[in-house]
Amino acid sequence: MKAVIQRVTRASVEVDGQPIGTIGAGMLVLLGVAREDSESDVRYMIEKISALRIFSDQAGKMNLSVTEIGGALLVVSQFTLLGDTGKGRRPGFDKAAPPDQAQALYARVIDGLKGHGLRTETGVFGAHMNVSLENDGPVTLILDSRASV
């Protein structure tokens, strides 16, 4: 499972011009699910996202988590994070999970984040979405559950 995490002052997602999810301060999480992902990858993402210390404390150090600042999450599915651009000019998506598997694991991550008491908004799985954000910092990080194995 891969995620691009962006610390934001605001973020939103629209489908067909209609707002679906909107947050203020917190994190935009673009989440891609790989074929080989399992429950252990789900747990890794839930724990990392909820505890990642990327918000400034009173001394200006990145020392606080989204939970500690009372921030929110906007989690958007993004299978293109699993795109392989190693050969040719068109990305290959063989490593991305099939839609049924990806949607189930994506939903488990969202449920887990909500279970940690985090206000969690989402996009619409499989839809064409327009995502807007104001990156704070900018702070952008990449999580890869397979890199930790």
N, C-alpha and C. Protein backbone atom coordinates (compact mmCIF):
# COMPACT_ATOMS: atom_id res chain seq x y z
N MET A 1 0.85 -1.16 0.00
CA MET A 1 0.00 0.00 0.00
C MET A 1 0.90 1.23 0.00
N LYS A 2 0.54 2.18 -0.80
CA LYS A 2 1.30 3.43 -0.85
C LYS A 2 0.37 4.59 -0.57
N ALA A 3 0.94 5.61 0.07
CA ALA A 3 0.17 6.82 0.35
C ALA A 3 1.06 8.04 0.16
N VAL A 4 0.49 9.07 -0.41
CA VAL A 4 1.11 10.38 -0.44
C VAL A 4 0.35 11.20 0.59
N ILE A 5 1.09 11.71 1.57
CA ILE A 5 0.52 12.48 2.67
C ILE A 5 0.89 13.94 2.47
N GLN A 6 -0.09 14.80 2.49
CA GLN A 6 0.18 16.23 2.40
C GLN A 6 -0.45 16.93 3.60
N ARG A 7 0.37 17.69 4.31
CA ARG A 7 -0.15 18.50 5.41
C ARG A 7 -0.85 19.69 4.78
N VAL A 8 -2.10 19.91 5.14
CA VAL A 8 -2.90 20.94 4.48
C VAL A 8 -3.55 21.88 5.48
N THR A 9 -3.81 23.10 5.01
CA THR A 9 -4.65 24.01 5.77
C THR A 9 -6.11 23.84 5.38
N ARG A 10 -6.31 23.27 4.16
CA ARG A 10 -7.65 22.92 3.69
C ARG A 10 -7.50 21.98 2.51
N ALA A 11 -8.51 21.14 2.30
CA ALA A 11 -8.52 20.24 1.14
C ALA A 11 -9.97 19.85 0.86
N SER A 12 -10.25 19.58 -0.40
CA SER A 12 -11.60 19.16 -0.77
C SER A 12 -11.54 18.28 -2.00
N VAL A 13 -12.62 17.52 -2.19
CA VAL A 13 -12.74 16.67 -3.37
C VAL A 13 -14.16 16.83 -3.92
N GLU A 14 -14.23 16.90 -5.26
CA GLU A 14 -15.51 17.02 -5.96
C GLU A 14 -15.65 15.89 -6.96
N VAL A 15 -16.89 15.47 -7.17
CA VAL A 15 -17.24 14.52 -8.22
C VAL A 15 -18.38 15.15 -8.99
N ASP A 16 -18.22 15.26 -10.31
CA ASP A 16 -19.23 15.89 -11.17
C ASP A 16 -19.62 17.28 -10.67
N GLY A 17 -18.63 18.04 -10.21
CA GLY A 17 -18.87 19.41 -9.76
C GLY A 17 -19.51 19.52 -8.39
N GLN A 18 -19.78 18.39 -7.74
CA GLN A 18 -20.41 18.40 -6.42
C GLN A 18 -19.38 18.11 -5.34
N PRO A 19 -19.34 18.93 -4.28
CA PRO A 19 -18.41 18.66 -3.18
C PRO A 19 -18.78 17.36 -2.48
N ILE A 20 -17.78 16.52 -2.26
CA ILE A 20 -17.98 15.21 -1.62
C ILE A 20 -17.36 15.21 -0.23
N GLY A 21 -16.17 15.77 -0.10
CA GLY A 21 -15.48 15.83 1.18
C GLY A 21 -14.68 17.10 1.28
N THR A 22 -14.71 17.72 2.46
CA THR A 22 -13.98 18.97 2.69
C THR A 22 -13.43 18.95 4.11
N ILE A 23 -12.17 19.36 4.26
CA ILE A 23 -11.56 19.48 5.58
C ILE A 23 -10.83 20.81 5.70
N GLY A 24 -10.58 21.20 6.93
CA GLY A 24 -9.70 22.32 7.22
C GLY A 24 -8.31 21.77 7.48
N ALA A 25 -7.68 22.21 8.55
CA ALA A 25 -6.32 21.76 8.88
C ALA A 25 -6.29 20.26 9.09
N GLY A 26 -5.27 19.63 8.51
CA GLY A 26 -5.12 18.19 8.66
C GLY A 26 -4.26 17.62 7.56
N MET A 27 -4.67 16.45 7.06
CA MET A 27 -3.86 15.76 6.05
C MET A 27 -4.74 15.28 4.90
N LEU A 28 -4.24 15.51 3.68
CA LEU A 28 -4.80 14.88 2.50
C LEU A 28 -4.00 13.60 2.30
N VAL A 29 -4.71 12.48 2.19
CA VAL A 29 -4.06 11.18 2.02
C VAL A 29 -4.52 10.60 0.69
N LEU A 30 -3.59 10.48 -0.25
CA LEU A 30 -3.85 9.81 -1.52
C LEU A 30 -3.38 8.38 -1.32
N LEU A 31 -4.30 7.41 -1.44
CA LEU A 31 -4.02 6.03 -1.05
C LEU A 31 -4.15 5.07 -2.22
N GLY A 32 -3.08 4.32 -2.48
CA GLY A 32 -3.08 3.30 -3.53
C GLY A 32 -2.90 1.92 -2.93
N VAL A 33 -3.68 0.96 -3.41
CA VAL A 33 -3.66 -0.40 -2.89
C VAL A 33 -3.03 -1.33 -3.93
N ALA A 34 -2.05 -2.11 -3.49
CA ALA A 34 -1.35 -3.05 -4.36
C ALA A 34 -1.99 -4.44 -4.28
N ARG A 35 -1.75 -5.23 -5.32
CA ARG A 35 -2.27 -6.60 -5.39
C ARG A 35 -1.92 -7.43 -4.16
N GLU A 36 -0.70 -7.31 -3.69
CA GLU A 36 -0.24 -8.16 -2.59
C GLU A 36 -0.59 -7.61 -1.21
N ASP A 37 -1.29 -6.50 -1.13
CA ASP A 37 -1.63 -5.91 0.16
C ASP A 37 -2.62 -6.77 0.94
N SER A 38 -2.48 -6.70 2.27
CA SER A 38 -3.31 -7.50 3.16
C SER A 38 -3.64 -6.68 4.40
N GLU A 39 -4.19 -7.36 5.38
CA GLU A 39 -4.57 -6.70 6.64
C GLU A 39 -3.37 -6.05 7.33
N SER A 40 -2.18 -6.62 7.19
CA SER A 40 -1.00 -6.03 7.83
C SER A 40 -0.66 -4.67 7.20
N ASP A 41 -0.89 -4.53 5.91
CA ASP A 41 -0.67 -3.24 5.24
C ASP A 41 -1.71 -2.22 5.71
N VAL A 42 -2.93 -2.67 5.90
CA VAL A 42 -4.00 -1.80 6.42
C VAL A 42 -3.60 -1.28 7.80
N ARG A 43 -3.18 -2.18 8.69
CA ARG A 43 -2.79 -1.78 10.04
C ARG A 43 -1.61 -0.80 10.01
N TYR A 44 -0.63 -1.06 9.14
CA TYR A 44 0.52 -0.17 9.02
C TYR A 44 0.06 1.25 8.67
N MET A 45 -0.80 1.36 7.66
CA MET A 45 -1.26 2.68 7.22
C MET A 45 -2.07 3.39 8.31
N ILE A 46 -2.94 2.67 8.98
CA ILE A 46 -3.75 3.28 10.04
C ILE A 46 -2.84 3.83 11.13
N GLU A 47 -1.90 3.02 11.58
CA GLU A 47 -1.01 3.44 12.68
C GLU A 47 -0.11 4.60 12.26
N LYS A 48 0.47 4.51 11.06
CA LYS A 48 1.38 5.57 10.60
C LYS A 48 0.64 6.89 10.40
N ILE A 49 -0.49 6.83 9.70
CA ILE A 49 -1.23 8.07 9.39
C ILE A 49 -1.71 8.73 10.67
N SER A 50 -2.25 7.97 11.58
CA SER A 50 -2.82 8.57 12.79
C SER A 50 -1.75 9.10 13.74
N ALA A 51 -0.54 8.57 13.68
CA ALA A 51 0.50 8.96 14.64
C ALA A 51 1.64 9.77 14.03
N LEU A 52 1.65 9.98 12.72
CA LEU A 52 2.74 10.69 12.06
C LEU A 52 2.85 12.12 12.60
N ARG A 53 4.02 12.47 13.10
CA ARG A 53 4.22 13.78 13.73
C ARG A 53 4.74 14.77 12.69
N ILE A 54 3.81 15.43 12.00
CA ILE A 54 4.18 16.37 10.95
C ILE A 54 3.62 17.77 11.17
N PHE A 55 3.03 17.99 12.36
CA PHE A 55 2.47 19.31 12.67
C PHE A 55 3.34 19.99 13.71
N SER A 56 3.45 21.30 13.60
CA SER A 56 4.37 22.06 14.45
C SER A 56 3.85 22.21 15.87
N ASP A 57 4.78 22.08 16.81
CA ASP A 57 4.48 22.37 18.21
C ASP A 57 4.74 23.85 18.46
N GLN A 58 4.69 24.28 19.71
CA GLN A 58 4.87 25.70 20.03
C GLN A 58 6.28 26.19 19.71
N ALA A 59 7.25 25.29 19.63
CA ALA A 59 8.62 25.67 19.30
C ALA A 59 8.86 25.64 17.79
N GLY A 60 7.82 25.32 17.01
CA GLY A 60 7.96 25.29 15.56
C GLY A 60 8.54 23.99 15.03
N LYS A 61 8.67 22.98 15.87
CA LYS A 61 9.20 21.67 15.46
C LYS A 61 8.05 20.76 15.04
N MET A 62 8.28 19.97 13.99
CA MET A 62 7.27 18.99 13.59
C MET A 62 7.27 17.90 14.66
N ASN A 63 6.34 18.01 15.59
CA ASN A 63 6.34 17.15 16.76
C ASN A 63 4.95 16.68 17.16
N LEU A 64 3.91 17.08 16.41
CA LEU A 64 2.54 16.73 16.77
C LEU A 64 1.87 15.95 15.66
N SER A 65 0.98 15.05 16.04
CA SER A 65 0.22 14.25 15.08
C SER A 65 -1.10 14.95 14.75
N VAL A 66 -1.77 14.46 13.73
CA VAL A 66 -3.08 15.00 13.35
C VAL A 66 -4.06 14.83 14.51
N THR A 67 -3.93 13.76 15.26
CA THR A 67 -4.78 13.53 16.42
C THR A 67 -4.56 14.62 17.46
N GLU A 68 -3.29 14.94 17.72
CA GLU A 68 -2.94 15.91 18.76
C GLU A 68 -3.38 17.33 18.42
N ILE A 69 -3.48 17.66 17.14
CA ILE A 69 -3.91 19.02 16.78
C ILE A 69 -5.42 19.10 16.56
N GLY A 70 -6.10 17.95 16.66
CA GLY A 70 -7.54 17.93 16.40
C GLY A 70 -7.86 18.13 14.93
N GLY A 71 -6.94 17.72 14.06
CA GLY A 71 -7.12 17.90 12.63
C GLY A 71 -7.98 16.81 12.01
N ALA A 72 -8.22 16.95 10.73
CA ALA A 72 -9.06 16.01 9.99
C ALA A 72 -8.26 15.38 8.86
N LEU A 73 -8.84 14.34 8.27
CA LEU A 73 -8.23 13.65 7.15
C LEU A 73 -9.17 13.67 5.96
N LEU A 74 -8.60 13.81 4.77
CA LEU A 74 -9.33 13.60 3.53
C LEU A 74 -8.59 12.47 2.83
N VAL A 75 -9.23 11.30 2.73
CA VAL A 75 -8.60 10.12 2.15
C VAL A 75 -9.22 9.86 0.78
N VAL A 76 -8.35 9.85 -0.25
CA VAL A 76 -8.80 9.70 -1.64
C VAL A 76 -8.08 8.51 -2.25
N SER A 77 -8.85 7.60 -2.84
CA SER A 77 -8.23 6.44 -3.49
C SER A 77 -7.50 6.90 -4.75
N GLN A 78 -6.31 6.31 -4.97
CA GLN A 78 -5.53 6.70 -6.14
C GLN A 78 -4.66 5.54 -6.60
N PHE A 79 -5.24 4.72 -7.49
CA PHE A 79 -4.52 3.54 -7.96
C PHE A 79 -3.28 3.91 -8.76
N THR A 80 -3.21 5.13 -9.30
CA THR A 80 -2.06 5.51 -10.11
C THR A 80 -0.76 5.58 -9.29
N LEU A 81 -0.85 5.56 -7.96
CA LEU A 81 0.35 5.51 -7.14
C LEU A 81 1.11 4.20 -7.36
N LEU A 82 0.42 3.19 -7.88
CA LEU A 82 1.05 1.90 -8.14
C LEU A 82 1.52 1.81 -9.59
N GLY A 83 1.47 2.90 -10.32
CA GLY A 83 1.90 2.90 -11.72
C GLY A 83 3.39 2.64 -11.86
N ASP A 84 3.74 1.79 -12.80
CA ASP A 84 5.14 1.48 -13.09
C ASP A 84 5.53 2.26 -14.34
N THR A 85 6.47 3.18 -14.19
CA THR A 85 6.91 4.01 -15.30
C THR A 85 8.32 3.63 -15.77
N GLY A 86 8.76 2.42 -15.39
CA GLY A 86 10.11 1.98 -15.70
C GLY A 86 10.37 1.73 -17.18
N LYS A 87 9.35 1.30 -17.90
CA LYS A 87 9.53 0.99 -19.32
C LYS A 87 8.57 1.81 -20.15
N GLY A 88 9.04 2.30 -21.24
CA GLY A 88 8.19 3.04 -22.15
C GLY A 88 7.70 4.36 -21.57
N ARG A 89 6.66 4.89 -22.19
CA ARG A 89 6.13 6.19 -21.76
C ARG A 89 4.74 6.11 -21.17
N ARG A 90 4.15 4.92 -21.23
CA ARG A 90 2.82 4.74 -20.65
C ARG A 90 2.96 3.91 -19.38
N PRO A 91 2.44 4.40 -18.25
CA PRO A 91 2.56 3.61 -17.02
C PRO A 91 1.78 2.31 -17.10
N GLY A 92 2.32 1.30 -16.44
CA GLY A 92 1.63 0.01 -16.32
C GLY A 92 1.08 -0.12 -14.91
N PHE A 93 -0.07 -0.76 -14.79
CA PHE A 93 -0.74 -0.83 -13.50
C PHE A 93 -0.94 -2.26 -13.02
N ASP A 94 -0.05 -3.17 -13.45
CA ASP A 94 -0.16 -4.57 -13.04
C ASP A 94 -0.03 -4.76 -11.54
N LYS A 95 0.66 -3.86 -10.85
CA LYS A 95 0.86 -4.00 -9.41
C LYS A 95 -0.34 -3.51 -8.60
N ALA A 96 -1.23 -2.75 -9.23
CA ALA A 96 -2.41 -2.24 -8.52
C ALA A 96 -3.40 -3.37 -8.27
N ALA A 97 -4.05 -3.32 -7.13
CA ALA A 97 -5.06 -4.33 -6.79
C ALA A 97 -6.28 -4.19 -7.70
N PRO A 98 -6.96 -5.31 -7.98
CA PRO A 98 -8.22 -5.21 -8.71
C PRO A 98 -9.23 -4.40 -7.90
N PRO A 99 -10.19 -3.76 -8.57
CA PRO A 99 -11.11 -2.84 -7.88
C PRO A 99 -11.79 -3.40 -6.63
N ASP A 100 -12.28 -4.62 -6.65
CA ASP A 100 -12.98 -5.17 -5.47
C ASP A 100 -12.05 -5.27 -4.27
N GLN A 101 -10.85 -5.78 -4.49
CA GLN A 101 -9.87 -5.91 -3.41
C GLN A 101 -9.44 -4.52 -2.92
N ALA A 102 -9.15 -3.63 -3.86
CA ALA A 102 -8.69 -2.29 -3.49
C ALA A 102 -9.75 -1.55 -2.69
N GLN A 103 -11.00 -1.62 -3.12
CA GLN A 103 -12.07 -0.90 -2.42
C GLN A 103 -12.25 -1.44 -1.00
N ALA A 104 -12.16 -2.75 -0.84
CA ALA A 104 -12.32 -3.34 0.49
C ALA A 104 -11.20 -2.89 1.44
N LEU A 105 -9.95 -2.90 0.97
CA LEU A 105 -8.83 -2.50 1.82
C LEU A 105 -8.84 -0.99 2.07
N TYR A 106 -9.21 -0.22 1.07
CA TYR A 106 -9.36 1.24 1.22
C TYR A 106 -10.38 1.53 2.31
N ALA A 107 -11.51 0.83 2.27
CA ALA A 107 -12.56 1.02 3.27
C ALA A 107 -12.07 0.63 4.67
N ARG A 108 -11.24 -0.42 4.76
CA ARG A 108 -10.70 -0.84 6.06
C ARG A 108 -9.79 0.24 6.65
N VAL A 109 -8.99 0.88 5.80
CA VAL A 109 -8.12 1.97 6.28
C VAL A 109 -8.99 3.11 6.81
N ILE A 110 -10.00 3.49 6.07
CA ILE A 110 -10.89 4.58 6.49
C ILE A 110 -11.58 4.23 7.82
N ASP A 111 -12.11 3.02 7.92
CA ASP A 111 -12.77 2.59 9.16
C ASP A 111 -11.79 2.64 10.33
N GLY A 112 -10.56 2.20 10.10
CA GLY A 112 -9.55 2.21 11.15
C GLY A 112 -9.19 3.62 11.61
N LEU A 113 -9.09 4.53 10.66
CA LEU A 113 -8.78 5.93 11.02
C LEU A 113 -9.92 6.54 11.81
N LYS A 114 -11.14 6.26 11.39
CA LYS A 114 -12.31 6.73 12.15
C LYS A 114 -12.33 6.10 13.53
N GLY A 115 -11.92 4.85 13.62
CA GLY A 115 -11.84 4.15 14.89
C GLY A 115 -10.84 4.77 15.85
N HIS A 116 -9.87 5.50 15.32
CA HIS A 116 -8.91 6.24 16.14
C HIS A 116 -9.47 7.60 16.55
N GLY A 117 -10.72 7.86 16.22
CA GLY A 117 -11.36 9.11 16.60
C GLY A 117 -11.08 10.27 15.66
N LEU A 118 -10.55 9.98 14.48
CA LEU A 118 -10.22 11.03 13.53
C LEU A 118 -11.40 11.34 12.61
N ARG A 119 -11.71 12.62 12.46
CA ARG A 119 -12.70 13.01 11.47
C ARG A 119 -12.11 12.70 10.11
N THR A 120 -12.76 11.83 9.36
CA THR A 120 -12.21 11.35 8.09
C THR A 120 -13.24 11.51 6.99
N GLU A 121 -12.91 12.34 6.02
CA GLU A 121 -13.73 12.52 4.82
C GLU A 121 -13.10 11.70 3.71
N THR A 122 -13.88 11.39 2.67
CA THR A 122 -13.35 10.57 1.58
C THR A 122 -13.81 11.11 0.24
N GLY A 123 -13.18 10.56 -0.79
CA GLY A 123 -13.66 10.76 -2.14
C GLY A 123 -14.64 9.64 -2.46
N VAL A 124 -14.85 9.39 -3.75
CA VAL A 124 -15.71 8.30 -4.20
C VAL A 124 -14.83 7.30 -4.93
N PHE A 125 -14.74 6.10 -4.41
CA PHE A 125 -13.86 5.09 -4.98
C PHE A 125 -14.19 4.87 -6.45
N GLY A 126 -13.17 4.94 -7.30
CA GLY A 126 -13.32 4.65 -8.72
C GLY A 126 -13.86 5.79 -9.56
N ALA A 127 -14.26 6.88 -8.93
CA ALA A 127 -14.81 8.02 -9.67
C ALA A 127 -13.70 8.93 -10.17
N HIS A 128 -14.02 9.72 -11.20
CA HIS A 128 -13.12 10.78 -11.61
C HIS A 128 -13.35 11.93 -10.63
N MET A 129 -12.29 12.34 -9.93
CA MET A 129 -12.42 13.34 -8.87
C MET A 129 -11.53 14.54 -9.15
N ASN A 130 -11.97 15.69 -8.69
CA ASN A 130 -11.15 16.90 -8.69
C ASN A 130 -10.79 17.18 -7.24
N VAL A 131 -9.49 17.16 -6.96
CA VAL A 131 -8.99 17.36 -5.60
C VAL A 131 -8.33 18.73 -5.53
N SER A 132 -8.72 19.51 -4.54
CA SER A 132 -8.10 20.81 -4.31
C SER A 132 -7.47 20.80 -2.92
N LEU A 133 -6.34 21.49 -2.80
CA LEU A 133 -5.68 21.54 -1.50
C LEU A 133 -4.82 22.78 -1.39
N GLU A 134 -4.59 23.13 -0.16
CA GLU A 134 -3.61 24.17 0.16
C GLU A 134 -2.58 23.48 1.04
N ASN A 135 -1.43 23.15 0.44
CA ASN A 135 -0.38 22.43 1.14
C ASN A 135 0.26 23.38 2.14
N ASP A 136 0.38 22.92 3.38
CA ASP A 136 0.93 23.73 4.46
C ASP A 136 2.40 23.39 4.64
N GLY A 137 3.27 24.32 4.31
CA GLY A 137 4.70 24.11 4.50
C GLY A 137 5.54 24.48 3.30
N PRO A 138 5.52 23.78 2.23
CA PRO A 138 4.79 22.54 1.97
C PRO A 138 5.41 21.34 2.68
N VAL A 139 4.53 20.46 3.14
CA VAL A 139 4.96 19.19 3.73
C VAL A 139 4.27 18.08 2.95
N THR A 140 5.06 17.24 2.29
CA THR A 140 4.55 16.11 1.53
C THR A 140 5.46 14.92 1.80
N LEU A 141 4.86 13.79 2.19
CA LEU A 141 5.61 12.58 2.50
C LEU A 141 5.00 11.39 1.77
N ILE A 142 5.81 10.37 1.55
CA ILE A 142 5.35 9.14 0.93
C ILE A 142 5.48 8.01 1.92
N LEU A 143 4.39 7.27 2.11
CA LEU A 143 4.41 6.06 2.94
C LEU A 143 4.29 4.85 2.02
N ASP A 144 5.05 3.82 2.34
CA ASP A 144 4.98 2.58 1.58
C ASP A 144 5.01 1.43 2.60
N SER A 145 3.90 0.74 2.74
CA SER A 145 3.82 -0.33 3.74
C SER A 145 4.80 -1.46 3.44
N ARG A 146 5.19 -1.63 2.19
CA ARG A 146 6.12 -2.69 1.81
C ARG A 146 7.56 -2.31 2.12
N ALA A 147 7.87 -1.04 2.20
CA ALA A 147 9.22 -0.59 2.49
C ALA A 147 9.59 -0.89 3.95
N SER A 148 8.57 -1.07 4.80
CA SER A 148 8.82 -1.32 6.22
C SER A 148 9.03 -2.79 6.52
N VAL A 149 8.79 -3.66 5.54
CA VAL A 149 8.88 -5.12 5.78
C VAL A 149 10.31 -5.58 5.81
